[in-house]
C-alpha cells in the first residue's frame, strides 16, 4: 500500500511538472515561466547552433528557434566582487571579443531580490544579426549566466516573450530530488588536451 501511495505521489508530481508552463534549472535553483511554444533543445541542436563543446549547458527556444534562452552555471565565484566594477570588466571583454557589437543597455538591476548585471547588445554571427539580453549574477559561489536573444529581424515579435521570461525569474527554488536536469555533453578528450595546452 505504501509503495502504491509513493508511486501515485511521484506520478502526480511529474504530471504537474509536465503540465506547468515553467522550467526549473535544478543545479541553480532557478525557475522561469516559459511562453507558449518554447521548449528545451536537445544537445545535438545546441551543438548545431553553437558548435560542439562551445554551446551553453541548456537552451530553450521558440518553435522556429529564432528566439532562445541559454543558461550556464560557470565555476567562477563573483559573490565577493563589486558588481559595478565587474560590469565594467564585462563591457571591456565583450568589446574585445564580440563581433560587430553595438551596445543597447549596460546596467545593474534587481531581479528576484538579487542584483544582476544586465548587458543588452547587437552582435553578428554567420551573417545574421542578433539582439542579446545577457543577465549575470552570483549563485551558490558560481556565476549564473542567462542570455535571451533573438534575430534582429524577429526581435519585435520575440521581445514581449523574452521580457516576460526575465520578469518570471525566481531564484532559490526548492527542487525535489527526483527533478534533475541532464548534464551537458562532456568535451571530447582532444578538446580537453587543447585547453590544458592553452593554460
Protein backbone atom coordinates (compact mmCIF):
# COMPACT_ATOMS: atom_id res chain seq x y z
CA UNK A 1 0.00 0.00 0.00
CA UNK A 2 2.81 2.39 0.92
CA UNK A 3 4.56 1.64 -2.38
CA UNK A 4 1.35 2.37 -4.29
CA UNK A 5 0.89 5.70 -2.49
CA UNK A 6 4.51 6.63 -3.20
CA UNK A 7 4.11 5.71 -6.87
CA UNK A 8 0.94 7.82 -7.16
CA UNK A 9 2.63 10.74 -5.40
CA UNK A 10 5.55 10.60 -7.82
CA UNK A 11 3.18 10.27 -10.78
CA UNK A 12 1.20 13.38 -9.84
CA UNK A 13 4.36 15.34 -9.10
CA UNK A 14 5.75 14.50 -12.53
CA UNK A 15 2.38 15.12 -14.22
CA UNK A 16 2.04 18.52 -12.54
CA UNK A 17 5.55 19.44 -13.65
CA UNK A 18 4.76 18.38 -17.20
CA UNK A 19 1.54 20.41 -17.29
CA UNK A 20 3.08 23.52 -15.75
CA UNK A 21 4.30 26.11 -18.25
CA UNK A 22 7.60 26.56 -16.49
CA UNK A 23 11.08 25.10 -16.30
CA UNK A 24 13.35 24.63 -13.30
CA UNK A 25 17.14 24.50 -13.58
CA UNK A 26 17.83 22.21 -10.65
CA UNK A 27 21.55 22.96 -10.33
CA UNK A 28 20.97 26.70 -9.70
CA UNK A 29 17.57 26.59 -8.01
CA UNK A 30 16.28 28.80 -10.84
CA UNK A 31 12.72 28.71 -12.19
CA UNK A 32 11.30 30.53 -15.21
CA UNK A 33 7.87 30.64 -16.82
CA UNK A 34 8.00 29.63 -20.47
CA UNK A 35 5.92 31.33 -23.15
CA UNK A 36 3.77 29.06 -25.31
CA UNK A 37 5.79 27.29 -27.98
CA UNK A 38 9.13 27.40 -26.11
CA UNK A 39 10.84 24.08 -25.41
CA UNK A 40 14.19 22.64 -24.33
CA UNK A 41 16.63 21.99 -27.17
CA UNK A 42 18.36 18.64 -27.48
CA UNK A 43 22.15 18.53 -27.15
CA UNK A 44 22.55 17.88 -30.89
CA UNK A 45 20.54 21.02 -31.69
CA UNK A 46 22.65 23.09 -29.28
CA UNK A 47 25.85 21.79 -30.88
CA UNK A 48 24.47 22.68 -34.31
CA UNK A 49 23.69 26.25 -33.20
CA UNK A 50 26.89 26.93 -31.24
CA UNK A 51 29.35 24.30 -32.41
CA UNK A 52 30.46 21.18 -30.47
CA UNK A 53 31.91 21.90 -26.98
CA UNK A 54 31.15 25.65 -27.32
CA UNK A 55 27.46 25.76 -26.50
CA UNK A 56 25.89 26.59 -23.13
CA UNK A 57 24.60 23.95 -20.74
CA UNK A 58 20.95 24.35 -21.71
CA UNK A 59 18.99 26.23 -24.37
CA UNK A 60 15.26 26.84 -24.56
CA UNK A 61 13.83 28.18 -27.82
CA UNK A 62 10.63 29.05 -29.61
CA UNK A 63 9.26 26.73 -32.29
CA UNK A 64 11.27 28.39 -35.08
CA UNK A 65 14.40 28.77 -32.87
CA UNK A 66 14.62 32.47 -33.81
CA UNK A 67 14.33 33.35 -30.10
CA UNK A 68 16.21 31.46 -27.38
CA UNK A 69 17.17 31.50 -23.73
CA UNK A 70 20.53 29.92 -22.93
CA UNK A 71 21.59 29.01 -19.41
CA UNK A 72 25.00 28.30 -17.92
CA UNK A 73 26.36 27.98 -14.39
CA UNK A 74 30.06 28.86 -14.56
CA UNK A 75 32.60 27.81 -11.90
CA UNK A 76 33.53 31.43 -11.07
CA UNK A 77 32.74 32.85 -7.63
CA UNK A 78 31.77 36.50 -8.16
CA UNK A 79 29.79 36.85 -4.93
CA UNK A 80 32.51 38.91 -3.23
CA UNK A 81 33.23 41.17 -6.20
CA UNK A 82 31.98 44.72 -6.66
CA UNK A 83 29.18 44.34 -9.21
CA UNK A 84 29.64 47.83 -10.70
CA UNK A 85 33.35 47.14 -11.31
CA UNK A 86 32.55 43.68 -12.67
CA UNK A 87 30.09 45.25 -15.10
CA UNK A 88 32.85 47.49 -16.47
CA UNK A 89 35.14 44.46 -16.90
CA UNK A 90 32.43 42.58 -18.82
CA UNK A 91 31.89 45.60 -21.05
CA UNK A 92 35.60 45.67 -21.96
CA UNK A 93 35.77 41.91 -22.57
CA UNK A 94 32.67 41.97 -24.78
CA UNK A 95 34.03 44.90 -26.79
CA UNK A 96 37.19 42.87 -27.47
CA UNK A 97 35.52 39.56 -28.30
CA UNK A 98 32.02 40.10 -29.71
CA UNK A 99 31.92 40.70 -33.49
CA UNK A 100 30.04 43.83 -34.67
CA UNK A 101 28.97 44.70 -31.11
CA UNK A 102 26.56 47.61 -30.65
CA UNK A 103 25.55 48.43 -27.07
CA UNK A 104 21.86 48.92 -26.22
CA UNK A 105 21.96 48.72 -22.41
CA UNK A 106 24.58 48.28 -19.66
CA UNK A 107 23.42 48.49 -16.07
CA UNK A 108 22.90 46.80 -12.71
CA UNK A 109 19.36 45.73 -11.95
CA UNK A 110 17.45 43.94 -9.19
CA UNK A 111 15.63 40.78 -10.17
CA UNK A 112 14.30 38.01 -7.94
CA UNK A 113 15.54 40.01 -4.90
CA UNK A 114 19.12 39.87 -6.18
CA UNK A 115 21.48 42.18 -8.06
CA UNK A 116 22.24 41.27 -11.68
CA UNK A 117 24.38 42.68 -14.44
CA UNK A 118 22.23 43.41 -17.49
CA UNK A 119 24.02 43.79 -20.83
CA UNK A 120 21.98 44.28 -23.99
CA UNK A 121 23.73 44.45 -27.33
CA UNK A 122 23.61 43.62 -31.01
CA UNK A 123 26.05 41.06 -32.39
CA UNK A 124 26.58 39.25 -35.67
CA UNK A 125 27.28 35.58 -36.35
CA UNK A 126 27.23 33.76 -39.68
CA UNK A 127 25.96 36.88 -41.39
CA UNK A 128 22.91 37.07 -39.07
CA UNK A 129 22.42 39.97 -36.62
CA UNK A 130 21.18 39.14 -33.12
CA UNK A 131 19.73 41.14 -30.23
CA UNK A 132 21.12 39.79 -26.94
CA UNK A 133 19.90 40.37 -23.39
CA UNK A 134 22.56 38.93 -21.08
CA UNK A 135 21.92 38.60 -17.34
CA UNK A 136 24.67 37.65 -14.87
CA UNK A 137 24.51 37.09 -11.10
CA UNK A 138 26.29 35.04 -8.40
CA UNK A 139 24.58 31.80 -7.34
CA UNK A 140 25.96 29.22 -4.91
CA UNK A 141 29.55 30.52 -5.25
CA UNK A 142 29.23 30.23 -9.01
CA UNK A 143 28.27 32.59 -11.82
CA UNK A 144 24.82 32.23 -13.36
CA UNK A 145 24.66 33.45 -16.97
CA UNK A 146 21.39 33.80 -18.89
CA UNK A 147 21.31 35.02 -22.47
CA UNK A 148 17.94 35.80 -24.01
CA UNK A 149 18.30 36.53 -27.68
CA UNK A 150 16.58 36.76 -30.99
CA UNK A 151 17.46 37.54 -34.56
CA UNK A 152 17.12 41.28 -35.09
CA UNK A 153 14.64 40.56 -37.89
CA UNK A 154 12.36 38.72 -35.42
CA UNK A 155 13.06 40.81 -32.30
CA UNK A 156 9.90 42.95 -32.46
CA UNK A 157 7.79 39.75 -32.29
CA UNK A 158 10.05 37.96 -29.79
CA UNK A 159 10.72 40.82 -27.35
CA UNK A 160 7.45 40.51 -25.35
CA UNK A 161 8.19 36.82 -24.71
CA UNK A 162 11.83 37.49 -23.79
CA UNK A 163 10.89 40.32 -21.39
CA UNK A 164 8.20 38.12 -19.84
CA UNK A 165 10.79 35.39 -19.22
CA UNK A 166 13.00 37.97 -17.48
CA UNK A 167 10.17 39.08 -15.19
CA UNK A 168 9.31 35.47 -14.30
CA UNK A 169 12.78 34.56 -12.98
CA UNK A 170 12.74 33.08 -9.48
CA UNK A 171 15.85 32.06 -7.53
CA UNK A 172 16.46 29.80 -4.53
CA UNK A 173 13.66 27.49 -5.64
CA UNK A 174 13.48 24.24 -3.70
CA UNK A 175 13.70 21.41 -6.19
CA UNK A 176 12.58 17.83 -5.36
CA UNK A 177 15.47 15.37 -5.50
CA UNK A 178 13.80 13.48 -8.33
CA UNK A 179 13.86 16.57 -10.57
CA UNK A 180 17.23 16.87 -12.24
CA UNK A 181 18.46 18.33 -15.49
CA UNK A 182 20.59 16.23 -17.83
CA UNK A 183 24.27 17.01 -17.64
CA UNK A 184 25.69 18.98 -20.58
CA UNK A 185 27.68 16.87 -23.02
CA UNK A 186 31.26 16.26 -21.93
CA UNK A 187 34.01 17.74 -24.03
CA UNK A 188 35.98 15.31 -26.20
CA UNK A 189 39.41 14.32 -24.90
CA UNK A 190 41.05 16.25 -27.77
CA UNK A 191 39.31 19.47 -26.70
CA UNK A 192 40.43 18.96 -23.09
CA UNK A 193 44.05 18.49 -24.23
CA UNK A 194 43.88 21.74 -26.20
CA UNK A 195 42.52 23.58 -23.14
CA UNK A 196 45.34 22.19 -20.95
CA UNK A 197 47.93 23.16 -23.56
CA UNK A 198 46.47 26.68 -23.76
CA UNK A 199 46.58 27.02 -19.97
